[in-house]
Amino acid sequence: MSLDFTDDVIDAVVAHMNGDHADDQLAIVRAHGRPRAASATLVTIGADGLAFDVQEAHGAEAVTERVLVPWPMPIEQRADIRRAVVMLMPRG
């Protein structure tokens, strides 16, 4: 599957998520395999999912690693991105 969006659209999604949804991003990353994440910054979106730079504490050292959270559904239209992000949010 290819993500058929221009760089402007991807940049706008990334800026919006980082500017308005930092807590949601951290919740998504924690729910999808990184429960000890201290921060999560969206770097890009692609055909496979959302790519975050995730920072975790390892002892006294903070380590940043790129983490891919796969899309939970096919992404064909821009509106699908919002639906997919909502689906990735932890319940409860």
Protein backbone atom coordinates (compact mmCIF):
# COMPACT_ATOMS: atom_id res chain seq x y z
CA MET A 1 0.00 0.00 0.00
CA SER A 2 1.24 3.47 -0.76
CA LEU A 3 0.27 6.61 1.06
CA ASP A 4 -0.78 8.96 -1.69
CA PHE A 5 -0.47 12.35 0.05
CA THR A 6 1.72 15.31 -0.81
CA ASP A 7 4.54 16.35 1.50
CA ASP A 8 2.46 19.42 2.43
CA VAL A 9 -0.36 17.23 3.72
CA ILE A 10 2.01 14.98 5.66
CA ASP A 11 3.79 18.01 7.13
CA ALA A 12 0.44 19.52 8.17
CA VAL A 13 -0.65 16.30 9.89
CA VAL A 14 2.69 16.02 11.71
CA ALA A 15 2.60 19.67 12.81
CA HIS A 16 -1.00 19.35 14.02
CA MET A 17 -0.34 16.15 15.95
CA ASN A 18 2.82 17.50 17.59
CA GLY A 19 1.24 20.86 18.35
CA ASP A 20 -2.17 19.75 19.61
CA HIS A 21 -1.96 16.08 20.57
CA ALA A 22 1.31 15.41 22.41
CA ASP A 23 -0.46 13.58 25.25
CA ASP A 24 -2.44 11.48 22.78
CA GLN A 25 0.73 10.53 20.92
CA LEU A 26 2.36 9.37 24.14
CA ALA A 27 -0.76 7.35 25.02
CA ILE A 28 -0.74 5.71 21.57
CA VAL A 29 2.94 4.78 21.79
CA ARG A 30 2.55 3.42 25.32
CA ALA A 31 -0.49 1.35 24.29
CA HIS A 32 1.31 -0.07 21.28
CA GLY A 33 4.39 -1.59 22.78
CA ARG A 34 6.31 1.14 24.59
CA PRO A 35 4.71 1.39 28.07
CA ARG A 36 7.80 3.10 29.53
CA ALA A 37 7.90 5.88 26.94
CA ALA A 38 8.53 9.31 28.46
CA SER A 39 7.81 11.25 25.26
CA ALA A 40 6.70 10.61 21.69
CA THR A 41 7.14 13.03 18.79
CA LEU A 42 5.55 12.25 15.44
CA VAL A 43 8.19 12.40 12.72
CA THR A 44 6.21 11.31 9.67
CA ILE A 45 3.36 9.19 8.42
CA GLY A 46 3.69 6.63 5.69
CA ALA A 47 1.98 3.66 4.11
CA ASP A 48 2.90 1.44 7.04
CA GLY A 49 1.85 3.76 9.87
CA LEU A 50 2.97 6.58 12.11
CA ALA A 51 6.70 6.99 12.84
CA PHE A 52 7.51 8.46 16.25
CA ASP A 53 10.75 9.40 17.94
CA VAL A 54 10.21 7.87 21.37
CA GLN A 55 12.30 8.67 24.39
CA GLU A 56 12.62 6.15 27.22
CA ALA A 57 14.70 6.21 30.36
CA HIS A 58 17.21 3.37 30.61
CA GLY A 59 18.74 3.77 34.03
CA ALA A 60 20.17 7.26 34.30
CA GLU A 61 20.32 7.56 30.51
CA ALA A 62 17.56 8.69 28.14
CA VAL A 63 17.45 6.81 24.85
CA THR A 64 15.56 7.96 21.74
CA GLU A 65 14.44 5.39 19.21
CA ARG A 66 12.28 5.54 16.06
CA VAL A 67 9.10 3.51 16.59
CA LEU A 68 6.51 2.63 13.94
CA VAL A 69 2.90 2.22 15.04
CA PRO A 70 1.03 0.46 12.21
CA TRP A 71 -2.23 1.81 10.85
CA PRO A 72 -5.23 -0.09 12.20
CA MET A 73 -7.09 0.32 8.89
CA PRO A 74 -6.36 1.21 5.25
CA ILE A 75 -5.55 4.90 4.73
CA GLU A 76 -6.94 6.11 1.42
CA GLN A 77 -8.23 9.61 2.15
CA ARG A 78 -7.03 12.35 4.46
CA ALA A 79 -10.09 11.85 6.70
CA ASP A 80 -8.96 8.24 7.23
CA ILE A 81 -5.92 9.51 9.14
CA ARG A 82 -8.07 11.00 11.90
CA ARG A 83 -10.22 7.86 12.12
CA ALA A 84 -7.14 5.67 12.36
CA VAL A 85 -5.51 7.81 15.05
CA VAL A 86 -8.71 7.66 17.12
CA MET A 87 -8.74 3.88 16.71
CA LEU A 88 -5.16 3.72 18.01
CA MET A 89 -6.04 5.51 21.25
CA PRO A 90 -6.16 3.23 24.29
CA ARG A 91 -9.60 2.52 25.70
CA GLY A 92 -10.41 2.88 29.33
